[in-house]
Amino acid sequence: MWQILAGLCIVLGAGGYYLFQENEALKAENAARKLAFEQQAAALETLQRESKKQQQAMADLNIRSQAIQNEMTQYMDIFKRHKLPKLAAAKPGMIEKRANDATKAIFDTIEADSRDIDVLDDGVQLSGGSMASSVEKATARDNNSGEASTDRDTAANTPSGN
């Protein structure tokens, strides 16, 4: 009898241990799923906030675009009402001066922007590879030697005897 009781205890002990191990695994899996759920909820909340920001930015851009379209329509209406070629033929000095002033202003802006960009890359040396350095060395040699280079004549395909 004691053998049956001992066997029953062993079976019950093994079954209990198996259920305990299964319970621990399920607890760990449950904790991992909770963490994943919290992360996904936070990501969803962030996406919703970003979506609202994008919608607001898009609405602002649409309003600004509409204002620019209205302004462009006003300017086009001015051009339609005034016959610029006829006015330019009748008063060339007036139109030419305005066009030249506007062109000068645009070129001055481009030069200022170019100057700003040039200042940004001061002290930065671009590596152009061995081709660039050999060209730079040849140019430096030509400039320092004071002699005319025959390589330039042949490179430019200029006939030397004609």
N, C-alpha and C. Protein backbone atom coordinates (compact mmCIF):
# COMPACT_ATOMS: atom_id res chain seq x y z
N MET A 1 0.79 -1.18 0.00
CA MET A 1 0.00 0.00 0.00
C MET A 1 0.85 1.26 0.00
N TRP A 2 1.88 1.20 0.81
CA TRP A 2 2.73 2.39 0.86
C TRP A 2 3.35 2.68 -0.49
N GLN A 3 3.54 1.66 -1.35
CA GLN A 3 4.11 1.84 -2.68
C GLN A 3 3.13 2.63 -3.57
N ILE A 4 1.86 2.34 -3.42
CA ILE A 4 0.86 3.05 -4.20
C ILE A 4 0.82 4.51 -3.74
N LEU A 5 0.87 4.70 -2.45
CA LEU A 5 0.85 6.05 -1.90
C LEU A 5 2.11 6.82 -2.33
N ALA A 6 3.25 6.20 -2.32
CA ALA A 6 4.50 6.84 -2.74
C ALA A 6 4.42 7.15 -4.24
N GLY A 7 3.91 6.25 -5.06
CA GLY A 7 3.76 6.50 -6.50
C GLY A 7 2.81 7.65 -6.77
N LEU A 8 1.71 7.67 -5.99
CA LEU A 8 0.74 8.75 -6.15
C LEU A 8 1.36 10.08 -5.76
N CYS A 9 2.15 10.13 -4.72
CA CYS A 9 2.84 11.37 -4.32
C CYS A 9 3.81 11.81 -5.39
N ILE A 10 4.54 10.88 -5.98
CA ILE A 10 5.50 11.22 -7.04
C ILE A 10 4.75 11.79 -8.24
N VAL A 11 3.65 11.15 -8.65
CA VAL A 11 2.87 11.63 -9.79
C VAL A 11 2.30 13.00 -9.49
N LEU A 12 1.73 13.18 -8.29
CA LEU A 12 1.17 14.47 -7.92
C LEU A 12 2.27 15.54 -7.83
N GLY A 13 3.43 15.18 -7.32
CA GLY A 13 4.55 16.12 -7.24
C GLY A 13 5.03 16.53 -8.63
N ALA A 14 5.15 15.57 -9.53
CA ALA A 14 5.58 15.87 -10.91
C ALA A 14 4.54 16.72 -11.61
N GLY A 15 3.26 16.41 -11.43
CA GLY A 15 2.19 17.21 -12.04
C GLY A 15 2.18 18.62 -11.49
N GLY A 16 2.37 18.76 -10.18
CA GLY A 16 2.42 20.08 -9.56
C GLY A 16 3.60 20.90 -10.06
N TYR A 17 4.76 20.23 -10.19
CA TYR A 17 5.94 20.92 -10.69
C TYR A 17 5.72 21.39 -12.13
N TYR A 18 5.12 20.54 -12.95
CA TYR A 18 4.83 20.89 -14.34
C TYR A 18 3.89 22.09 -14.40
N LEU A 19 2.84 22.07 -13.59
CA LEU A 19 1.89 23.19 -13.57
C LEU A 19 2.55 24.47 -13.06
N PHE A 20 3.43 24.33 -12.08
CA PHE A 20 4.15 25.49 -11.57
C PHE A 20 5.02 26.10 -12.66
N GLN A 21 5.76 25.26 -13.38
CA GLN A 21 6.62 25.74 -14.46
C GLN A 21 5.79 26.39 -15.56
N GLU A 22 4.67 25.79 -15.91
CA GLU A 22 3.79 26.34 -16.95
C GLU A 22 3.22 27.69 -16.50
N ASN A 23 2.87 27.80 -15.21
CA ASN A 23 2.35 29.05 -14.67
C ASN A 23 3.42 30.15 -14.74
N GLU A 24 4.66 29.84 -14.40
CA GLU A 24 5.75 30.82 -14.47
C GLU A 24 5.99 31.28 -15.91
N ALA A 25 5.95 30.35 -16.85
CA ALA A 25 6.14 30.71 -18.25
C ALA A 25 5.01 31.62 -18.72
N LEU A 26 3.79 31.33 -18.32
CA LEU A 26 2.65 32.17 -18.70
C LEU A 26 2.73 33.55 -18.06
N LYS A 27 3.24 33.63 -16.83
CA LYS A 27 3.42 34.93 -16.18
C LYS A 27 4.45 35.77 -16.96
N ALA A 28 5.55 35.15 -17.34
CA ALA A 28 6.59 35.86 -18.09
C ALA A 28 6.04 36.32 -19.45
N GLU A 29 5.29 35.45 -20.11
CA GLU A 29 4.70 35.81 -21.41
C GLU A 29 3.69 36.94 -21.24
N ASN A 30 2.91 36.89 -20.18
CA ASN A 30 1.92 37.93 -19.90
C ASN A 30 2.62 39.27 -19.65
N ALA A 31 3.72 39.27 -18.89
CA ALA A 31 4.46 40.50 -18.62
C ALA A 31 5.04 41.06 -19.92
N ALA A 32 5.56 40.19 -20.78
CA ALA A 32 6.11 40.65 -22.06
C ALA A 32 5.02 41.25 -22.93
N ARG A 33 3.86 40.64 -22.94
CA ARG A 33 2.74 41.18 -23.75
C ARG A 33 2.25 42.52 -23.19
N LYS A 34 2.24 42.66 -21.86
CA LYS A 34 1.85 43.94 -21.27
C LYS A 34 2.83 45.03 -21.67
N LEU A 35 4.11 44.72 -21.62
CA LEU A 35 5.13 45.68 -22.01
C LEU A 35 4.98 46.06 -23.48
N ALA A 36 4.77 45.07 -24.33
CA ALA A 36 4.59 45.34 -25.76
C ALA A 36 3.34 46.19 -25.99
N PHE A 37 2.28 45.90 -25.26
CA PHE A 37 1.04 46.68 -25.38
C PHE A 37 1.27 48.12 -24.97
N GLU A 38 1.98 48.33 -23.86
CA GLU A 38 2.27 49.70 -23.40
C GLU A 38 3.12 50.45 -24.42
N GLN A 39 4.11 49.76 -24.99
CA GLN A 39 4.95 50.40 -26.01
C GLN A 39 4.13 50.76 -27.25
N GLN A 40 3.27 49.87 -27.67
CA GLN A 40 2.44 50.14 -28.84
C GLN A 40 1.44 51.26 -28.56
N ALA A 41 0.92 51.32 -27.34
CA ALA A 41 -0.01 52.40 -26.99
C ALA A 41 0.73 53.74 -27.00
N ALA A 42 1.96 53.77 -26.49
CA ALA A 42 2.74 55.00 -26.50
C ALA A 42 3.08 55.41 -27.93
N ALA A 43 3.43 54.44 -28.76
CA ALA A 43 3.74 54.74 -30.16
C ALA A 43 2.50 55.25 -30.89
N LEU A 44 1.36 54.66 -30.62
CA LEU A 44 0.11 55.10 -31.24
C LEU A 44 -0.22 56.53 -30.82
N GLU A 45 -0.04 56.82 -29.55
CA GLU A 45 -0.30 58.18 -29.05
C GLU A 45 0.63 59.18 -29.72
N THR A 46 1.89 58.82 -29.86
CA THR A 46 2.86 59.70 -30.53
C THR A 46 2.47 59.91 -31.99
N LEU A 47 2.08 58.84 -32.66
CA LEU A 47 1.66 58.96 -34.06
C LEU A 47 0.43 59.84 -34.20
N GLN A 48 -0.49 59.73 -33.27
CA GLN A 48 -1.69 60.56 -33.33
C GLN A 48 -1.34 62.03 -33.12
N ARG A 49 -0.43 62.31 -32.18
CA ARG A 49 0.01 63.70 -31.95
C ARG A 49 0.69 64.25 -33.20
N GLU A 50 1.59 63.44 -33.78
CA GLU A 50 2.30 63.88 -34.99
C GLU A 50 1.34 64.08 -36.14
N SER A 51 0.35 63.23 -36.24
CA SER A 51 -0.65 63.36 -37.30
C SER A 51 -1.42 64.66 -37.15
N LYS A 52 -1.78 65.00 -35.93
CA LYS A 52 -2.49 66.27 -35.70
C LYS A 52 -1.60 67.46 -36.05
N LYS A 53 -0.31 67.37 -35.70
CA LYS A 53 0.62 68.45 -36.05
C LYS A 53 0.72 68.58 -37.57
N GLN A 54 0.81 67.45 -38.26
CA GLN A 54 0.91 67.48 -39.72
C GLN A 54 -0.36 68.04 -40.35
N GLN A 55 -1.50 67.67 -39.80
CA GLN A 55 -2.76 68.21 -40.33
C GLN A 55 -2.83 69.71 -40.13
N GLN A 56 -2.37 70.19 -38.98
CA GLN A 56 -2.38 71.63 -38.71
C GLN A 56 -1.40 72.34 -39.65
N ALA A 57 -0.22 71.75 -39.83
CA ALA A 57 0.77 72.35 -40.73
C ALA A 57 0.24 72.38 -42.16
N MET A 58 -0.44 71.31 -42.57
CA MET A 58 -1.01 71.25 -43.92
C MET A 58 -2.09 72.31 -44.08
N ALA A 59 -2.91 72.49 -43.06
CA ALA A 59 -3.95 73.52 -43.12
C ALA A 59 -3.32 74.91 -43.22
N ASP A 60 -2.26 75.13 -42.43
CA ASP A 60 -1.57 76.42 -42.50
C ASP A 60 -0.96 76.65 -43.88
N LEU A 61 -0.36 75.60 -44.44
CA LEU A 61 0.21 75.72 -45.79
C LEU A 61 -0.86 75.98 -46.83
N ASN A 62 -2.01 75.35 -46.68
CA ASN A 62 -3.10 75.59 -47.63
C ASN A 62 -3.59 77.02 -47.55
N ILE A 63 -3.69 77.56 -46.33
CA ILE A 63 -4.11 78.95 -46.16
C ILE A 63 -3.08 79.88 -46.79
N ARG A 64 -1.81 79.61 -46.53
CA ARG A 64 -0.75 80.45 -47.10
C ARG A 64 -0.73 80.33 -48.62
N SER A 65 -0.92 79.13 -49.13
CA SER A 65 -0.96 78.93 -50.57
C SER A 65 -2.11 79.70 -51.19
N GLN A 66 -3.24 79.68 -50.53
CA GLN A 66 -4.39 80.41 -51.04
C GLN A 66 -4.11 81.91 -51.06
N ALA A 67 -3.46 82.42 -50.02
CA ALA A 67 -3.12 83.84 -49.98
C ALA A 67 -2.16 84.20 -51.10
N ILE A 68 -1.18 83.33 -51.35
CA ILE A 68 -0.23 83.58 -52.43
C ILE A 68 -0.93 83.50 -53.78
N GLN A 69 -1.84 82.57 -53.93
CA GLN A 69 -2.61 82.47 -55.18
C GLN A 69 -3.42 83.75 -55.41
N ASN A 70 -4.04 84.27 -54.34
CA ASN A 70 -4.81 85.51 -54.47
C ASN A 70 -3.90 86.67 -54.86
N GLU A 71 -2.73 86.74 -54.24
CA GLU A 71 -1.78 87.80 -54.57
C GLU A 71 -1.32 87.68 -56.02
N MET A 72 -1.04 86.44 -56.45
CA MET A 72 -0.63 86.22 -57.83
C MET A 72 -1.74 86.63 -58.80
N THR A 73 -2.98 86.33 -58.45
CA THR A 73 -4.12 86.71 -59.29
C THR A 73 -4.20 88.23 -59.41
N GLN A 74 -3.96 88.93 -58.30
CA GLN A 74 -3.97 90.39 -58.35
C GLN A 74 -2.88 90.92 -59.27
N TYR A 75 -1.69 90.36 -59.16
CA TYR A 75 -0.59 90.81 -60.03
C TYR A 75 -0.87 90.49 -61.49
N MET A 76 -1.39 89.32 -61.73
CA MET A 76 -1.71 88.96 -63.13
C MET A 76 -2.79 89.89 -63.68
N ASP A 77 -3.73 90.29 -62.83
CA ASP A 77 -4.77 91.23 -63.26
C ASP A 77 -4.14 92.57 -63.64
N ILE A 78 -3.15 93.00 -62.86
CA ILE A 78 -2.45 94.25 -63.19
C ILE A 78 -1.77 94.12 -64.54
N PHE A 79 -1.10 93.00 -64.77
CA PHE A 79 -0.42 92.82 -66.05
C PHE A 79 -1.41 92.76 -67.21
N LYS A 80 -2.58 92.19 -66.96
CA LYS A 80 -3.59 92.13 -68.03
C LYS A 80 -4.13 93.52 -68.35
N ARG A 81 -4.29 94.35 -67.32
CA ARG A 81 -4.85 95.69 -67.54
C ARG A 81 -3.84 96.63 -68.20
N HIS A 82 -2.57 96.46 -67.93
CA HIS A 82 -1.55 97.33 -68.49
C HIS A 82 -0.88 96.63 -69.65
N LYS A 83 -0.78 97.30 -70.74
CA LYS A 83 -0.11 96.74 -71.93
C LYS A 83 1.38 97.09 -71.83
N LEU A 84 2.16 96.20 -71.22
CA LEU A 84 3.57 96.48 -70.98
C LEU A 84 4.38 96.65 -72.27
N PRO A 85 4.20 95.85 -73.30
CA PRO A 85 4.97 96.11 -74.52
C PRO A 85 4.67 97.48 -75.12
N LYS A 86 3.40 97.88 -75.08
CA LYS A 86 3.02 99.18 -75.62
C LYS A 86 3.62 100.30 -74.76
N LEU A 87 3.59 100.11 -73.42
CA LEU A 87 4.17 101.10 -72.51
C LEU A 87 5.68 101.16 -72.68
N ALA A 88 6.33 100.02 -72.89
CA ALA A 88 7.77 100.00 -73.08
C ALA A 88 8.16 100.70 -74.36
N ALA A 89 7.35 100.57 -75.40
CA ALA A 89 7.64 101.26 -76.66
C ALA A 89 7.42 102.76 -76.51
N ALA A 90 6.40 103.14 -75.74
CA ALA A 90 6.09 104.56 -75.58
C ALA A 90 7.07 105.23 -74.61
N LYS A 91 7.42 104.56 -73.51
CA LYS A 91 8.30 105.15 -72.49
C LYS A 91 9.41 104.15 -72.16
N PRO A 92 10.37 103.96 -73.04
CA PRO A 92 11.39 102.93 -72.82
C PRO A 92 12.26 103.21 -71.59
N GLY A 93 12.52 104.46 -71.28
CA GLY A 93 13.38 104.78 -70.14
C GLY A 93 12.77 104.34 -68.82
N MET A 94 11.46 104.51 -68.69
CA MET A 94 10.78 104.16 -67.45
C MET A 94 10.81 102.64 -67.22
N ILE A 95 10.46 101.88 -68.22
CA ILE A 95 10.41 100.42 -68.09
C ILE A 95 11.81 99.85 -67.96
N GLU A 96 12.74 100.34 -68.76
CA GLU A 96 14.10 99.82 -68.74
C GLU A 96 14.74 100.05 -67.38
N LYS A 97 14.55 101.23 -66.79
CA LYS A 97 15.13 101.52 -65.49
C LYS A 97 14.56 100.58 -64.43
N ARG A 98 13.26 100.37 -64.44
CA ARG A 98 12.65 99.48 -63.45
C ARG A 98 13.15 98.04 -63.63
N ALA A 99 13.24 97.58 -64.87
CA ALA A 99 13.73 96.23 -65.13
C ALA A 99 15.18 96.08 -64.71
N ASN A 100 15.99 97.10 -65.02
CA ASN A 100 17.41 97.04 -64.63
C ASN A 100 17.57 97.07 -63.12
N ASP A 101 16.78 97.91 -62.44
CA ASP A 101 16.86 97.97 -60.98
C ASP A 101 16.46 96.63 -60.34
N ALA A 102 15.39 96.03 -60.85
CA ALA A 102 14.95 94.74 -60.32
C ALA A 102 15.99 93.65 -60.58
N THR A 103 16.57 93.66 -61.78
CA THR A 103 17.61 92.67 -62.11
C THR A 103 18.83 92.86 -61.22
N LYS A 104 19.23 94.10 -61.00
CA LYS A 104 20.38 94.38 -60.13
C LYS A 104 20.09 93.90 -58.71
N ALA A 105 18.89 94.15 -58.22
CA ALA A 105 18.55 93.69 -56.87
C ALA A 105 18.64 92.17 -56.76
N ILE A 106 18.17 91.48 -57.78
CA ILE A 106 18.23 90.01 -57.77
C ILE A 106 19.68 89.53 -57.79
N PHE A 107 20.50 90.13 -58.66
CA PHE A 107 21.90 89.72 -58.73
C PHE A 107 22.65 90.06 -57.44
N ASP A 108 22.33 91.18 -56.82
CA ASP A 108 22.96 91.52 -55.54
C ASP A 108 22.61 90.48 -54.48
N THR A 109 21.37 90.03 -54.48
CA THR A 109 20.95 89.00 -53.53
C THR A 109 21.69 87.70 -53.78
N ILE A 110 21.83 87.33 -55.05
CA ILE A 110 22.56 86.09 -55.40
C ILE A 110 24.01 86.21 -54.97
N GLU A 111 24.64 87.36 -55.20
CA GLU A 111 26.03 87.54 -54.79
C GLU A 111 26.17 87.46 -53.28
N ALA A 112 25.24 88.07 -52.55
CA ALA A 112 25.30 88.01 -51.08
C ALA A 112 25.14 86.58 -50.59
N ASP A 113 24.21 85.84 -51.18
CA ASP A 113 24.03 84.43 -50.80
C ASP A 113 25.27 83.62 -51.13
N SER A 114 25.87 83.88 -52.28
CA SER A 114 27.08 83.16 -52.67
C SER A 114 28.22 83.47 -51.71
N ARG A 115 28.32 84.73 -51.30
CA ARG A 115 29.35 85.12 -50.34
C ARG A 115 29.14 84.39 -49.02
N ASP A 116 27.89 84.31 -48.57
CA ASP A 116 27.59 83.62 -47.32
C ASP A 116 27.95 82.14 -47.42
N ILE A 117 27.65 81.53 -48.53
CA ILE A 117 27.96 80.11 -48.72
C ILE A 117 29.47 79.91 -48.77
N ASP A 118 30.19 80.84 -49.44
CA ASP A 118 31.64 80.74 -49.53
C ASP A 118 32.27 80.85 -48.16
N VAL A 119 31.73 81.69 -47.29
CA VAL A 119 32.26 81.84 -45.95
C VAL A 119 32.09 80.54 -45.16
N LEU A 120 31.00 79.84 -45.41
CA LEU A 120 30.73 78.60 -44.66
C LEU A 120 31.76 77.52 -44.93
N ASP A 121 32.33 77.49 -46.15
CA ASP A 121 33.26 76.41 -46.45
C ASP A 121 34.72 76.84 -46.35
N ASP A 122 35.00 77.99 -45.75
CA ASP A 122 36.39 78.39 -45.51
C ASP A 122 37.04 77.41 -44.56
N GLY A 123 38.24 77.00 -44.88
CA GLY A 123 38.96 76.08 -44.02
C GLY A 123 38.64 74.63 -44.30
N VAL A 124 37.72 74.35 -45.17
CA VAL A 124 37.37 72.98 -45.51
C VAL A 124 38.06 72.64 -46.82
N GLN A 125 38.87 71.60 -46.81
CA GLN A 125 39.57 71.22 -48.02
C GLN A 125 38.89 69.99 -48.61
N LEU A 126 38.46 70.12 -49.84
CA LEU A 126 37.81 69.00 -50.50
C LEU A 126 38.87 68.10 -51.10
N SER A 127 38.70 66.81 -50.94
CA SER A 127 39.65 65.88 -51.54
C SER A 127 39.11 65.43 -52.87
N GLY A 128 39.81 65.81 -53.91
CA GLY A 128 39.36 65.49 -55.25
C GLY A 128 40.04 64.27 -55.82
N GLY A 129 40.85 63.61 -55.06
CA GLY A 129 41.52 62.43 -55.54
C GLY A 129 42.87 62.79 -56.15
N SER A 130 43.55 61.81 -56.76
CA SER A 130 44.87 62.03 -57.31
C SER A 130 44.83 62.88 -58.57
N MET A 131 43.74 62.84 -59.32
CA MET A 131 43.62 63.64 -60.53
C MET A 131 43.63 65.12 -60.19
N ALA A 132 42.86 65.51 -59.18
CA ALA A 132 42.79 66.92 -58.79
C ALA A 132 44.13 67.39 -58.25
N SER A 133 44.80 66.56 -57.46
CA SER A 133 46.06 67.00 -56.89
C SER A 133 47.14 67.09 -57.96
N SER A 134 47.14 66.24 -58.98
CA SER A 134 48.14 66.36 -60.03
C SER A 134 47.88 67.59 -60.87
N VAL A 135 46.62 67.93 -61.10
CA VAL A 135 46.30 69.16 -61.83
C VAL A 135 46.73 70.37 -61.02
N GLU A 136 46.45 70.34 -59.71
CA GLU A 136 46.85 71.45 -58.86
C GLU A 136 48.36 71.60 -58.84
N LYS A 137 49.10 70.48 -58.79
CA LYS A 137 50.55 70.54 -58.77
C LYS A 137 51.09 71.10 -60.09
N ALA A 138 50.50 70.66 -61.22
CA ALA A 138 50.95 71.16 -62.52
C ALA A 138 50.67 72.64 -62.65
N THR A 139 49.53 73.08 -62.17
CA THR A 139 49.20 74.50 -62.22
C THR A 139 50.15 75.30 -61.35
N ALA A 140 50.45 74.78 -60.18
CA ALA A 140 51.37 75.48 -59.29
C ALA A 140 52.76 75.55 -59.91
N ARG A 141 53.21 74.45 -60.57
CA ARG A 141 54.51 74.45 -61.23
C ARG A 141 54.55 75.48 -62.35
N ASP A 142 53.47 75.53 -63.15
CA ASP A 142 53.42 76.48 -64.26
C ASP A 142 53.42 77.90 -63.76
N ASN A 143 52.69 78.15 -62.70
CA ASN A 143 52.61 79.51 -62.17
C ASN A 143 53.92 79.94 -61.53
N ASN A 144 54.64 79.01 -60.93
CA ASN A 144 55.88 79.35 -60.25
C ASN A 144 57.08 79.40 -61.18
N SER A 145 57.04 78.66 -62.27
CA SER A 145 58.23 78.58 -63.13
C SER A 145 58.38 79.80 -64.02
N GLY A 146 57.30 80.42 -64.38
CA GLY A 146 57.38 81.59 -65.26
C GLY A 146 57.58 81.21 -66.71
N GLU A 147 57.62 79.93 -67.03
CA GLU A 147 57.79 79.47 -68.40
C GLU A 147 56.46 78.97 -68.94
N ALA A 148 56.31 79.08 -70.25
CA ALA A 148 55.10 78.58 -70.88
C ALA A 148 55.17 77.08 -70.94
N SER A 149 54.10 76.44 -70.69
CA SER A 149 54.06 75.00 -70.69
C SER A 149 53.63 74.50 -72.06
N THR A 150 54.37 73.53 -72.59
CA THR A 150 54.01 72.96 -73.89
C THR A 150 52.89 71.96 -73.72
N ASP A 151 52.70 71.44 -72.49
CA ASP A 151 51.62 70.50 -72.25
C ASP A 151 50.27 71.15 -72.48
N ARG A 152 50.12 72.40 -72.12
CA ARG A 152 48.85 73.08 -72.31
C ARG A 152 48.52 73.23 -73.78
N ASP A 153 49.55 73.48 -74.62
CA ASP A 153 49.29 73.64 -76.05
C ASP A 153 48.82 72.33 -76.67
N THR A 154 49.45 71.23 -76.27
CA THR A 154 49.04 69.95 -76.84
C THR A 154 47.72 69.50 -76.24
N ALA A 155 47.48 69.82 -74.98
CA ALA A 155 46.24 69.41 -74.34
C ALA A 155 45.07 70.16 -74.94
N ALA A 156 45.27 71.39 -75.36
CA ALA A 156 44.18 72.17 -75.93
C ALA A 156 44.02 71.94 -77.42
N ASN A 157 44.86 71.03 -77.99
CA ASN A 157 44.82 70.71 -79.42
C ASN A 157 45.04 71.95 -80.29
N THR A 158 45.93 72.79 -79.86
CA THR A 158 46.24 73.96 -80.67
C THR A 158 47.45 73.66 -81.50
N PRO A 159 47.41 73.90 -82.78
CA PRO A 159 48.59 73.65 -83.62
C PRO A 159 49.66 74.68 -83.32
N SER A 160 50.88 74.20 -83.12
CA SER A 160 51.97 75.12 -82.73
C SER A 160 52.66 75.74 -83.93
N GLY A 161 52.59 75.12 -85.08
CA GLY A 161 53.34 75.63 -86.23
C GLY A 161 52.48 76.37 -87.23
N ASN A 162 51.20 76.45 -87.09
CA ASN A 162 50.34 77.07 -88.12
C ASN A 162 50.06 78.46 -87.80
